[in-house]
Every structure is written in structure tokens, then in C-alpha cells.
């Protein structure tokens, strides 16, 4: 509660002897009328329940349920059926199978084997680069292997490639180039 100055009407906190604005004398009981204090401050009056926030939350929850609920309901084609219960499985007779002649393993053609060796060699080199934190991408072009890396000038790069030389040469590769990300050749060597 605050009081009001009888001379100028300014709100005055109880306990003042004189008005802070007009300096008129204030007696504790003479001419002072009490007024309910306005709390002031920066609070905003609540206007009601936040319906929009509740509706938005329900919409998000419904979307999540739809996405995850419908995604699990469908089975991919070719999915395996659950096994039969033992009572049904025992009652179902299985037809005898005719023995099939053992198929001779098909000889792999040289280009396919070479392609597998090249893929294995490039994957091994990329993996080794990653483990040594020399991050690079390996591309095979004919009998040449290109290593595109920002670490071609790193001192650890040449010994790493030297260690992989037998594997790369065994896969049928004859040259190796190390290129910067921009495409500039840092070094080139025979395998």
C-alpha cells in the first residue's frame, strides 16, 4: 500500500516525512489517504490456457505415431515366414529329395578375378589411409591407381604406399599417382 501526497497527488511510500516531489510536509495521519499499490514491473497478464501449443503438440505426436506406426506395419517382400509350431511341423510330411549331382565349380574368368583383386586392393589401401588418418579416395583407371588426398605431401604417405606395393602390383596395377584434392599431381611412381 502506498499513500498519496495531499498537495500534489504523487504516490508516496509510507514513512516519508516530506513529499519527494513538492516537499510538502506529510503527517502520518493528517490528510493522507491510502491507495492500493500498483505492483508495476514487467509481468504480462495471463490471458488463458495456451490452446495453440496443445494443438501443435498433439499434431507432432500424431505425425510421429503415423511415421513409426505405418513404417513397421509393412513387411518387405520376400520376408521369411515364422517357423511352424512343432505339432504342425511334425505332422507335415516332407517329400523325399532326389540326390542332385555335385556341380563342378565354375572356373572364374581372369577379368572377373582381376576385378575382384583390384577392388580388394583399392579397399585395403583406402582402409589403411583412413586408419593412418591420411584420408584419401582411391580410383583405379586401367592399370593405374590414383590416390586423391590432401595428405600426399605428408611424410607418412610414401612409406605406407611402399608397404602396399606388393598387394597393388599383385592386383595387376603398374603405376600409382598421388594427387591433391585440386587435382595437382604430388608424386607418381611405378609399382
N, C-alpha and C. Protein backbone atom coordinates (compact mmCIF):
# COMPACT_ATOMS: atom_id res chain seq x y z
N UNK A 1 0.85 -1.18 0.00
CA UNK A 1 0.00 0.00 0.00
C UNK A 1 0.88 1.23 0.00
N UNK A 2 0.47 2.22 -0.73
CA UNK A 2 1.19 3.48 -0.73
C UNK A 2 0.20 4.59 -0.41
N UNK A 3 0.75 5.72 -0.09
CA UNK A 3 -0.07 6.89 0.24
C UNK A 3 0.09 7.91 -0.88
N UNK A 4 -0.80 8.91 -0.87
CA UNK A 4 -0.75 9.96 -1.88
C UNK A 4 -0.53 11.29 -1.17
N UNK A 5 0.36 12.11 -1.74
CA UNK A 5 0.63 13.43 -1.17
C UNK A 5 -0.63 14.30 -1.32
N UNK A 6 -1.09 14.97 -0.22
CA UNK A 6 -2.30 15.79 -0.32
C UNK A 6 -2.08 17.05 -1.16
N UNK A 7 -0.82 17.50 -1.35
CA UNK A 7 -0.56 18.73 -2.08
C UNK A 7 -0.48 18.49 -3.59
N UNK A 8 0.29 17.48 -4.03
CA UNK A 8 0.50 17.29 -5.48
C UNK A 8 -0.09 15.98 -6.00
N UNK A 9 -0.44 15.05 -5.15
CA UNK A 9 -1.08 13.81 -5.58
C UNK A 9 -0.12 12.71 -6.02
N UNK A 10 1.16 12.86 -5.75
CA UNK A 10 2.14 11.84 -6.12
C UNK A 10 2.08 10.70 -5.11
N UNK A 11 2.23 9.47 -5.59
CA UNK A 11 2.24 8.33 -4.69
C UNK A 11 3.52 8.37 -3.87
N UNK A 12 3.35 8.20 -2.56
CA UNK A 12 4.49 8.27 -1.63
C UNK A 12 4.47 7.02 -0.77
N UNK A 13 5.65 6.43 -0.62
CA UNK A 13 5.78 5.24 0.21
C UNK A 13 5.61 5.67 1.67
N UNK A 14 4.82 4.91 2.45
CA UNK A 14 4.63 5.30 3.85
C UNK A 14 5.97 5.38 4.58
N UNK A 15 6.09 6.34 5.44
CA UNK A 15 7.31 6.51 6.22
C UNK A 15 8.04 7.80 5.85
N UNK A 16 7.74 8.42 4.69
CA UNK A 16 8.36 9.67 4.30
C UNK A 16 7.75 10.80 5.12
N UNK A 17 8.58 11.76 5.55
CA UNK A 17 8.10 12.92 6.30
C UNK A 17 7.69 14.02 5.34
N UNK A 18 8.38 14.12 4.19
CA UNK A 18 8.07 15.13 3.18
C UNK A 18 7.88 14.44 1.83
N UNK A 19 7.09 15.08 0.96
CA UNK A 19 6.83 14.56 -0.39
C UNK A 19 8.12 14.68 -1.20
N UNK A 20 8.51 13.65 -1.93
CA UNK A 20 9.74 13.71 -2.71
C UNK A 20 9.65 14.69 -3.89
N UNK A 21 8.42 15.08 -4.32
CA UNK A 21 8.29 15.97 -5.46
C UNK A 21 8.12 17.43 -5.03
N UNK A 22 7.11 17.70 -4.17
CA UNK A 22 6.82 19.10 -3.82
C UNK A 22 7.33 19.47 -2.42
N UNK A 23 7.88 18.56 -1.71
CA UNK A 23 8.44 18.74 -0.37
C UNK A 23 7.42 19.23 0.65
N UNK A 24 6.16 18.96 0.40
CA UNK A 24 5.12 19.32 1.36
C UNK A 24 5.22 18.36 2.53
N UNK A 25 4.95 18.85 3.72
CA UNK A 25 5.04 18.03 4.91
C UNK A 25 3.95 16.96 4.91
N UNK A 26 4.33 15.78 5.26
CA UNK A 26 3.39 14.68 5.33
C UNK A 26 3.31 14.23 6.78
N UNK A 27 2.13 14.28 7.33
CA UNK A 27 1.99 13.76 8.68
C UNK A 27 1.45 12.35 8.56
N UNK A 28 1.76 11.53 9.52
CA UNK A 28 1.35 10.15 9.40
C UNK A 28 -0.16 9.97 9.28
N UNK A 29 -0.96 10.89 9.85
CA UNK A 29 -2.39 10.66 9.81
C UNK A 29 -3.15 11.83 9.23
N UNK A 30 -2.54 12.95 9.07
CA UNK A 30 -3.27 14.14 8.63
C UNK A 30 -3.31 14.20 7.11
N UNK A 31 -4.48 14.15 6.54
CA UNK A 31 -4.67 14.36 5.11
C UNK A 31 -4.14 13.25 4.21
N UNK A 32 -3.61 12.20 4.73
CA UNK A 32 -3.07 11.12 3.90
C UNK A 32 -4.19 10.14 3.62
N UNK A 33 -4.39 9.84 2.39
CA UNK A 33 -5.34 8.79 2.07
C UNK A 33 -4.58 7.60 1.49
N UNK A 34 -5.01 6.43 1.82
CA UNK A 34 -4.31 5.22 1.40
C UNK A 34 -4.86 4.76 0.06
N UNK A 35 -3.95 4.30 -0.77
CA UNK A 35 -4.31 3.84 -2.11
C UNK A 35 -3.69 2.45 -2.29
N UNK A 36 -4.40 1.58 -2.97
CA UNK A 36 -3.85 0.25 -3.25
C UNK A 36 -2.65 0.40 -4.19
N UNK A 37 -1.57 -0.26 -3.84
CA UNK A 37 -0.33 -0.12 -4.62
C UNK A 37 -0.44 -0.87 -5.93
N UNK A 38 0.04 -0.24 -6.98
CA UNK A 38 0.12 -0.89 -8.29
C UNK A 38 1.45 -1.64 -8.31
N UNK A 39 1.43 -2.96 -8.54
CA UNK A 39 2.67 -3.71 -8.44
C UNK A 39 3.71 -3.29 -9.47
N UNK A 40 3.28 -2.71 -10.59
CA UNK A 40 4.25 -2.29 -11.61
C UNK A 40 4.99 -3.49 -12.17
N UNK A 41 6.20 -3.30 -12.61
CA UNK A 41 7.01 -4.40 -13.11
C UNK A 41 6.74 -4.70 -14.58
N UNK A 42 7.26 -5.82 -15.03
CA UNK A 42 7.15 -6.16 -16.45
C UNK A 42 6.36 -7.44 -16.68
N UNK A 43 5.56 -7.82 -15.72
CA UNK A 43 4.80 -9.05 -15.90
C UNK A 43 3.67 -8.81 -16.89
N UNK A 44 3.31 -9.86 -17.61
CA UNK A 44 2.22 -9.78 -18.57
C UNK A 44 1.06 -10.56 -18.00
N UNK A 45 -0.08 -10.00 -18.14
CA UNK A 45 -1.27 -10.65 -17.60
C UNK A 45 -1.56 -11.90 -18.42
N UNK A 46 -1.84 -13.00 -17.73
CA UNK A 46 -2.16 -14.24 -18.40
C UNK A 46 -3.54 -14.13 -19.00
N UNK A 47 -3.64 -14.57 -20.24
CA UNK A 47 -4.91 -14.41 -20.93
C UNK A 47 -5.71 -15.70 -20.98
N UNK A 48 -5.13 -16.82 -20.65
CA UNK A 48 -5.88 -18.06 -20.67
C UNK A 48 -4.96 -19.23 -20.96
N UNK A 49 -5.58 -20.37 -21.21
CA UNK A 49 -4.86 -21.61 -21.46
C UNK A 49 -4.27 -21.59 -22.88
N UNK A 50 -3.02 -22.01 -23.06
CA UNK A 50 -2.38 -21.96 -24.39
C UNK A 50 -2.88 -23.10 -25.30
N UNK A 51 -4.00 -22.91 -25.91
CA UNK A 51 -4.62 -23.92 -26.76
C UNK A 51 -3.74 -24.21 -27.98
N UNK A 52 -3.15 -23.19 -28.57
CA UNK A 52 -2.35 -23.38 -29.78
C UNK A 52 -1.16 -24.31 -29.50
N UNK A 53 -0.54 -24.18 -28.35
CA UNK A 53 0.59 -25.03 -28.01
C UNK A 53 0.15 -26.49 -27.84
N UNK A 54 -0.99 -26.70 -27.26
CA UNK A 54 -1.51 -28.06 -27.06
C UNK A 54 -1.84 -28.69 -28.41
N UNK A 55 -2.45 -27.93 -29.30
CA UNK A 55 -2.81 -28.45 -30.63
C UNK A 55 -1.55 -28.79 -31.41
N UNK A 56 -0.53 -27.94 -31.34
CA UNK A 56 0.73 -28.21 -32.05
C UNK A 56 1.39 -29.47 -31.50
N UNK A 57 1.39 -29.65 -30.19
CA UNK A 57 2.00 -30.84 -29.58
C UNK A 57 1.24 -32.10 -29.99
N UNK A 58 -0.07 -32.04 -30.04
CA UNK A 58 -0.86 -33.19 -30.48
C UNK A 58 -0.60 -33.52 -31.94
N UNK A 59 -0.44 -32.50 -32.78
CA UNK A 59 -0.14 -32.72 -34.19
C UNK A 59 1.22 -33.40 -34.38
N UNK A 60 2.22 -32.96 -33.64
CA UNK A 60 3.55 -33.58 -33.72
C UNK A 60 3.49 -35.03 -33.24
N UNK A 61 2.78 -35.27 -32.15
CA UNK A 61 2.66 -36.64 -31.63
C UNK A 61 1.95 -37.53 -32.64
N UNK A 62 0.91 -37.04 -33.29
CA UNK A 62 0.19 -37.84 -34.29
C UNK A 62 1.09 -38.14 -35.48
N UNK A 63 1.89 -37.17 -35.91
CA UNK A 63 2.81 -37.40 -37.04
C UNK A 63 3.85 -38.46 -36.69
N UNK A 64 4.38 -38.43 -35.49
CA UNK A 64 5.37 -39.43 -35.08
C UNK A 64 4.75 -40.81 -35.03
N UNK A 65 3.54 -40.90 -34.52
CA UNK A 65 2.86 -42.20 -34.44
C UNK A 65 2.60 -42.73 -35.85
N UNK A 66 2.18 -41.87 -36.76
CA UNK A 66 1.93 -42.31 -38.13
C UNK A 66 3.19 -42.80 -38.82
N UNK A 67 4.27 -42.04 -38.67
CA UNK A 67 5.52 -42.40 -39.35
C UNK A 67 6.05 -43.72 -38.82
N UNK A 68 6.15 -43.86 -37.52
CA UNK A 68 6.71 -45.07 -36.96
C UNK A 68 5.71 -46.23 -36.94
N UNK A 69 4.45 -45.94 -36.78
CA UNK A 69 3.44 -46.98 -36.75
C UNK A 69 3.23 -47.60 -38.12
N UNK A 70 3.14 -46.79 -39.16
CA UNK A 70 2.94 -47.31 -40.50
C UNK A 70 4.21 -47.93 -41.06
N UNK A 71 5.35 -47.44 -40.67
CA UNK A 71 6.62 -47.96 -41.16
C UNK A 71 6.87 -49.38 -40.70
N UNK A 72 6.39 -49.76 -39.54
CA UNK A 72 6.62 -51.10 -39.01
C UNK A 72 5.53 -52.08 -39.42
N UNK A 73 4.42 -51.58 -39.91
CA UNK A 73 3.30 -52.45 -40.25
C UNK A 73 3.53 -53.24 -41.52
N UNK A 74 4.32 -52.76 -42.44
CA UNK A 74 4.51 -53.47 -43.70
C UNK A 74 5.77 -54.29 -43.64
N UNK A 75 5.69 -55.48 -44.22
CA UNK A 75 6.86 -56.35 -44.28
C UNK A 75 7.47 -56.23 -45.65
N UNK A 76 8.78 -56.26 -45.75
CA UNK A 76 9.39 -56.23 -47.06
C UNK A 76 9.08 -57.52 -47.81
N UNK A 77 9.07 -57.42 -49.13
CA UNK A 77 8.77 -58.60 -49.91
C UNK A 77 9.89 -59.62 -49.73
N UNK A 78 9.50 -60.87 -49.73
CA UNK A 78 10.48 -61.93 -49.55
C UNK A 78 10.85 -62.15 -48.09
N UNK A 79 10.07 -61.58 -47.17
CA UNK A 79 10.40 -61.77 -45.76
C UNK A 79 10.10 -63.21 -45.38
N UNK A 80 10.90 -63.75 -44.52
CA UNK A 80 10.74 -65.14 -44.09
C UNK A 80 9.53 -65.25 -43.19
N UNK A 81 8.78 -66.35 -43.40
CA UNK A 81 7.63 -66.60 -42.55
C UNK A 81 8.11 -67.18 -41.23
N UNK A 82 7.34 -66.97 -40.15
CA UNK A 82 7.76 -67.55 -38.88
C UNK A 82 7.72 -69.08 -38.96
N UNK A 83 8.55 -69.77 -38.19
CA UNK A 83 8.57 -71.23 -38.25
C UNK A 83 7.25 -71.80 -37.74
N UNK A 84 6.93 -72.99 -38.25
CA UNK A 84 5.70 -73.66 -37.83
C UNK A 84 5.85 -74.18 -36.41
N UNK A 85 4.74 -74.22 -35.67
CA UNK A 85 4.81 -74.82 -34.34
C UNK A 85 5.23 -76.30 -34.47
N UNK A 86 5.86 -76.87 -33.45
CA UNK A 86 6.35 -78.25 -33.54
C UNK A 86 5.25 -79.26 -33.85
N UNK A 87 4.04 -79.05 -33.34
CA UNK A 87 2.97 -80.02 -33.57
C UNK A 87 2.59 -80.07 -35.05
N UNK A 88 2.55 -78.93 -35.71
CA UNK A 88 2.20 -78.88 -37.13
C UNK A 88 3.39 -79.33 -37.98
N UNK A 89 4.59 -78.93 -37.60
CA UNK A 89 5.77 -79.30 -38.37
C UNK A 89 5.97 -80.82 -38.37
N UNK A 90 5.68 -81.50 -37.26
CA UNK A 90 5.85 -82.95 -37.18
C UNK A 90 4.80 -83.66 -38.01
N UNK A 91 3.60 -83.09 -38.12
CA UNK A 91 2.51 -83.72 -38.86
C UNK A 91 2.66 -83.54 -40.36
N UNK A 92 3.43 -82.58 -40.81
CA UNK A 92 3.58 -82.32 -42.23
C UNK A 92 4.68 -83.19 -42.80
N UNK A 93 4.32 -84.09 -43.74
CA UNK A 93 5.37 -84.95 -44.31
C UNK A 93 6.23 -84.17 -45.29
N UNK A 94 7.48 -84.47 -45.32
CA UNK A 94 8.39 -83.82 -46.26
C UNK A 94 8.65 -84.78 -47.40
N UNK A 95 8.52 -84.32 -48.63
CA UNK A 95 8.75 -85.22 -49.76
C UNK A 95 10.23 -85.57 -49.85
N UNK A 96 10.54 -86.80 -50.27
CA UNK A 96 11.95 -87.17 -50.40
C UNK A 96 12.58 -86.40 -51.56
N UNK A 97 13.80 -86.05 -51.36
CA UNK A 97 14.51 -85.29 -52.39
C UNK A 97 15.42 -86.23 -53.16
N UNK A 98 15.42 -86.00 -54.44
CA UNK A 98 16.31 -86.80 -55.30
C UNK A 98 17.72 -86.25 -55.17
N UNK A 99 18.70 -87.13 -55.07
CA UNK A 99 20.06 -86.61 -54.96
C UNK A 99 20.44 -85.90 -56.25
N UNK A 100 21.07 -84.76 -56.06
CA UNK A 100 21.49 -83.97 -57.21
C UNK A 100 22.98 -84.14 -57.42
N UNK A 101 23.38 -84.22 -58.66
CA UNK A 101 24.81 -84.38 -58.92
C UNK A 101 25.56 -83.15 -58.44
N UNK A 102 26.74 -83.39 -57.92
CA UNK A 102 27.56 -82.27 -57.44
C UNK A 102 28.00 -81.45 -58.64
N UNK A 103 27.75 -80.20 -58.55
CA UNK A 103 28.12 -79.31 -59.65
C UNK A 103 29.59 -78.97 -59.53
N UNK A 104 30.25 -79.03 -60.64
CA UNK A 104 31.67 -78.67 -60.66
C UNK A 104 31.77 -77.16 -60.53
N UNK A 105 32.71 -76.70 -59.72
CA UNK A 105 32.84 -75.25 -59.58
C UNK A 105 33.19 -74.62 -60.92
N UNK A 106 32.48 -73.56 -61.21
CA UNK A 106 32.73 -72.87 -62.48
C UNK A 106 34.07 -72.16 -62.41
N UNK A 107 34.88 -72.34 -63.42
CA UNK A 107 36.16 -71.63 -63.39
C UNK A 107 35.91 -70.14 -63.54
N UNK A 108 36.51 -69.37 -62.66
CA UNK A 108 36.32 -67.92 -62.73
C UNK A 108 37.20 -67.38 -63.84
N UNK A 109 36.62 -66.50 -64.59
CA UNK A 109 37.37 -65.94 -65.70
C UNK A 109 38.40 -64.96 -65.16
N UNK A 110 39.45 -64.77 -65.89
CA UNK A 110 40.56 -63.91 -65.46
C UNK A 110 40.12 -62.47 -65.25
N UNK A 111 39.27 -61.89 -66.12
CA UNK A 111 38.88 -60.49 -65.88
C UNK A 111 38.08 -60.32 -64.59
N UNK A 112 37.20 -61.30 -64.27
CA UNK A 112 36.43 -61.18 -63.03
C UNK A 112 37.35 -61.28 -61.82
N UNK A 113 38.30 -62.22 -61.85
CA UNK A 113 39.22 -62.37 -60.73
C UNK A 113 40.08 -61.13 -60.59
N UNK A 114 40.51 -60.59 -61.72
CA UNK A 114 41.33 -59.38 -61.66
C UNK A 114 40.52 -58.22 -61.10
N UNK A 115 39.24 -58.16 -61.48
CA UNK A 115 38.38 -57.09 -60.97
C UNK A 115 38.19 -57.20 -59.47
N UNK A 116 38.07 -58.45 -58.98
CA UNK A 116 37.93 -58.64 -57.54
C UNK A 116 39.22 -58.27 -56.83
N UNK A 117 40.38 -58.65 -57.43
CA UNK A 117 41.66 -58.29 -56.82
C UNK A 117 41.84 -56.78 -56.78
N UNK A 118 41.46 -56.10 -57.85
CA UNK A 118 41.58 -54.64 -57.90
C UNK A 118 40.69 -54.00 -56.83
N UNK A 119 39.47 -54.47 -56.70
CA UNK A 119 38.55 -53.91 -55.70
C UNK A 119 39.08 -54.16 -54.30
N UNK A 120 39.61 -55.36 -54.06
CA UNK A 120 40.15 -55.67 -52.73
C UNK A 120 41.39 -54.82 -52.44
N UNK A 121 42.23 -54.64 -53.43
CA UNK A 121 43.45 -53.84 -53.23
C UNK A 121 43.10 -52.38 -52.96
N UNK A 122 42.16 -51.83 -53.73
CA UNK A 122 41.80 -50.42 -53.51
C UNK A 122 41.10 -50.24 -52.16
N UNK A 123 40.25 -51.18 -51.78
CA UNK A 123 39.57 -51.08 -50.48
C UNK A 123 40.58 -51.18 -49.34
N UNK A 124 41.59 -52.07 -49.50
CA UNK A 124 42.61 -52.21 -48.47
C UNK A 124 43.44 -50.93 -48.34
N UNK A 125 43.81 -50.33 -49.48
CA UNK A 125 44.59 -49.09 -49.44
C UNK A 125 43.78 -47.96 -48.80
N UNK A 126 42.49 -47.82 -49.17
CA UNK A 126 41.65 -46.78 -48.56
C UNK A 126 41.51 -46.99 -47.07
N UNK A 127 41.34 -48.24 -46.64
CA UNK A 127 41.20 -48.55 -45.22
C UNK A 127 42.48 -48.20 -44.46
N UNK A 128 43.62 -48.52 -45.05
CA UNK A 128 44.89 -48.21 -44.40
C UNK A 128 45.09 -46.70 -44.31
N UNK A 129 44.74 -45.97 -45.37
CA UNK A 129 44.84 -44.50 -45.33
C UNK A 129 43.97 -43.93 -44.22
N UNK A 130 42.76 -44.48 -44.08
CA UNK A 130 41.85 -43.99 -43.04
C UNK A 130 42.41 -44.27 -41.65
N UNK A 131 42.95 -45.48 -41.45
CA UNK A 131 43.49 -45.82 -40.14
C UNK A 131 44.70 -44.96 -39.79
N UNK A 132 45.47 -44.56 -40.78
CA UNK A 132 46.65 -43.71 -40.54
C UNK A 132 46.29 -42.23 -40.55
N UNK A 133 45.00 -41.93 -40.71
CA UNK A 133 44.48 -40.56 -40.74
C UNK A 133 45.11 -39.74 -41.86
N UNK A 134 45.29 -40.38 -42.98
CA UNK A 134 45.80 -39.71 -44.18
C UNK A 134 44.68 -39.56 -45.20
N UNK A 135 43.47 -39.71 -44.79
CA UNK A 135 42.23 -39.62 -45.53
C UNK A 135 42.43 -39.41 -47.02
N UNK A 136 42.03 -40.39 -47.79
CA UNK A 136 42.14 -40.29 -49.23
C UNK A 136 41.12 -41.17 -49.93
N UNK A 137 40.90 -40.89 -51.19
CA UNK A 137 39.97 -41.65 -52.02
C UNK A 137 40.81 -42.31 -53.11
N UNK A 138 40.56 -43.60 -53.36
CA UNK A 138 41.33 -44.37 -54.33
C UNK A 138 40.46 -44.63 -55.55
N UNK A 139 41.02 -44.33 -56.74
CA UNK A 139 40.32 -44.55 -58.00
C UNK A 139 41.26 -45.33 -58.92
N UNK A 140 40.74 -46.42 -59.51
CA UNK A 140 41.54 -47.24 -60.42
C UNK A 140 41.14 -46.90 -61.85
N UNK A 141 42.15 -46.57 -62.66
CA UNK A 141 41.93 -46.24 -64.06
C UNK A 141 42.86 -47.12 -64.89
N UNK A 142 42.32 -48.17 -65.46
CA UNK A 142 43.14 -49.09 -66.24
C UNK A 142 44.12 -49.81 -65.32
N UNK A 143 45.42 -49.64 -65.61
CA UNK A 143 46.45 -50.26 -64.78
C UNK A 143 47.08 -49.25 -63.83
N UNK A 144 46.45 -48.10 -63.68
CA UNK A 144 46.97 -47.05 -62.80
C UNK A 144 45.99 -46.84 -61.64
N UNK A 145 46.54 -46.58 -60.47
CA UNK A 145 45.71 -46.28 -59.31
C UNK A 145 46.01 -44.84 -58.88
N UNK A 146 44.96 -44.04 -58.71
CA UNK A 146 45.10 -42.65 -58.29
C UNK A 146 44.62 -42.53 -56.85
N UNK A 147 45.48 -41.95 -56.02
CA UNK A 147 45.11 -41.67 -54.63
C UNK A 147 44.91 -40.17 -54.54
N UNK A 148 43.67 -39.74 -54.29
CA UNK A 148 43.36 -38.31 -54.16
C UNK A 148 43.24 -38.00 -52.68
N UNK A 149 44.21 -37.22 -52.17
CA UNK A 149 44.27 -36.94 -50.74
C UNK A 149 44.92 -35.58 -50.51
N UNK A 150 44.52 -34.93 -49.46
CA UNK A 150 45.17 -33.69 -49.06
C UNK A 150 46.46 -33.95 -48.31
N UNK A 151 46.78 -35.24 -48.09
CA UNK A 151 47.96 -35.61 -47.31
C UNK A 151 49.06 -36.23 -48.17
N UNK A 152 49.05 -35.98 -49.47
CA UNK A 152 50.07 -36.59 -50.34
C UNK A 152 51.48 -36.14 -49.96
N UNK A 153 51.63 -34.94 -49.47
CA UNK A 153 52.95 -34.43 -49.09
C UNK A 153 53.34 -34.86 -47.68
N UNK A 154 52.46 -35.54 -46.97
CA UNK A 154 52.75 -35.99 -45.61
C UNK A 154 53.89 -37.01 -45.64
N UNK A 155 54.84 -36.92 -44.71
CA UNK A 155 55.97 -37.85 -44.71
C UNK A 155 55.55 -39.31 -44.52
N UNK A 156 54.40 -39.58 -43.94
CA UNK A 156 53.97 -40.96 -43.71
C UNK A 156 53.34 -41.59 -44.95
N UNK A 157 53.04 -40.80 -45.98
CA UNK A 157 52.34 -41.32 -47.15
C UNK A 157 53.23 -42.26 -47.97
N UNK A 158 54.45 -41.88 -48.24
CA UNK A 158 55.32 -42.70 -49.10
C UNK A 158 55.64 -44.06 -48.47
N UNK A 159 55.99 -44.15 -47.17
CA UNK A 159 56.22 -45.48 -46.60
C UNK A 159 54.96 -46.35 -46.59
N UNK A 160 53.80 -45.75 -46.41
CA UNK A 160 52.56 -46.51 -46.43
C UNK A 160 52.34 -47.12 -47.82
N UNK A 161 52.55 -46.33 -48.85
CA UNK A 161 52.37 -46.82 -50.22
C UNK A 161 53.43 -47.87 -50.54
N UNK A 162 54.65 -47.68 -50.04
CA UNK A 162 55.71 -48.66 -50.26
C UNK A 162 55.32 -50.01 -49.64
N UNK A 163 54.67 -50.00 -48.51
CA UNK A 163 54.24 -51.23 -47.85
C UNK A 163 53.11 -51.92 -48.61
N UNK A 164 52.29 -51.16 -49.34
CA UNK A 164 51.17 -51.73 -50.10
C UNK A 164 51.57 -52.07 -51.53
N UNK A 165 52.81 -51.80 -51.91
CA UNK A 165 53.27 -52.03 -53.28
C UNK A 165 53.08 -53.48 -53.75
N UNK A 166 53.43 -54.52 -52.96
CA UNK A 166 53.24 -55.90 -53.43
C UNK A 166 51.76 -56.23 -53.69
N UNK A 167 50.87 -55.77 -52.82
CA UNK A 167 49.45 -56.04 -52.99
C UNK A 167 48.93 -55.37 -54.26
N UNK A 168 49.31 -54.12 -54.48
CA UNK A 168 48.83 -53.39 -55.64
C UNK A 168 49.40 -53.98 -56.94
N UNK A 169 50.68 -54.34 -56.92
CA UNK A 169 51.31 -54.93 -58.10
C UNK A 169 50.69 -56.30 -58.39
N UNK A 170 50.39 -57.07 -57.34
CA UNK A 170 49.77 -58.39 -57.50
C UNK A 170 48.37 -58.30 -58.10
N UNK A 171 47.69 -57.16 -57.92
CA UNK A 171 46.35 -56.96 -58.49
C UNK A 171 46.42 -56.53 -59.94
N UNK A 172 47.64 -56.36 -60.47
CA UNK A 172 47.80 -56.00 -61.88
C UNK A 172 47.97 -54.52 -62.12
N UNK A 173 48.22 -53.75 -61.10
CA UNK A 173 48.43 -52.31 -61.26
C UNK A 173 49.91 -52.04 -61.51
N UNK A 174 50.21 -51.06 -62.37
CA UNK A 174 51.61 -50.78 -62.71
C UNK A 174 52.06 -49.40 -62.27
N UNK A 175 51.15 -48.45 -62.10
CA UNK A 175 51.52 -47.08 -61.70
C UNK A 175 50.62 -46.60 -60.57
N UNK A 176 51.17 -45.70 -59.76
CA UNK A 176 50.41 -45.06 -58.69
C UNK A 176 50.69 -43.58 -58.75
N UNK A 177 49.61 -42.78 -58.70
CA UNK A 177 49.74 -41.32 -58.63
C UNK A 177 49.07 -40.84 -57.36
N UNK A 178 49.69 -39.88 -56.69
CA UNK A 178 49.08 -39.25 -55.52
C UNK A 178 48.75 -37.82 -55.91
N UNK A 179 47.48 -37.48 -55.84
CA UNK A 179 47.01 -36.17 -56.27
C UNK A 179 46.42 -35.39 -55.10
N UNK A 180 46.63 -34.09 -55.12
CA UNK A 180 45.98 -33.22 -54.14
C UNK A 180 44.49 -33.17 -54.48
N UNK A 181 43.68 -32.60 -53.60
CA UNK A 181 42.25 -32.51 -53.84
C UNK A 181 41.95 -31.66 -55.08
N UNK A 182 42.84 -30.72 -55.39
CA UNK A 182 42.65 -29.87 -56.56
C UNK A 182 42.96 -30.58 -57.86
N UNK A 183 43.65 -31.74 -57.78
CA UNK A 183 43.99 -32.50 -58.98
C UNK A 183 45.46 -32.41 -59.34
N UNK A 184 46.23 -31.59 -58.62
CA UNK A 184 47.66 -31.45 -58.90
C UNK A 184 48.39 -32.72 -58.46
N UNK A 185 49.24 -33.27 -59.33
CA UNK A 185 49.98 -34.48 -59.04
C UNK A 185 51.15 -34.13 -58.11
N UNK A 186 51.19 -34.79 -56.94
CA UNK A 186 52.28 -34.56 -55.97
C UNK A 186 53.43 -35.50 -56.28
N UNK A 187 53.14 -36.78 -56.51
CA UNK A 187 54.17 -37.71 -56.93
C UNK A 187 53.55 -38.85 -57.72
N UNK A 188 54.38 -39.50 -58.53
CA UNK A 188 53.94 -40.62 -59.33
C UNK A 188 55.05 -41.66 -59.26
N UNK A 189 54.69 -42.94 -59.17
CA UNK A 189 55.71 -43.99 -59.06
C UNK A 189 55.23 -45.26 -59.75
N UNK A 190 56.19 -46.08 -60.16
CA UNK A 190 55.89 -47.37 -60.75
C UNK A 190 55.70 -48.39 -59.63
N UNK A 191 54.85 -49.35 -59.88
CA UNK A 191 54.63 -50.41 -58.91
C UNK A 191 55.32 -51.63 -59.42
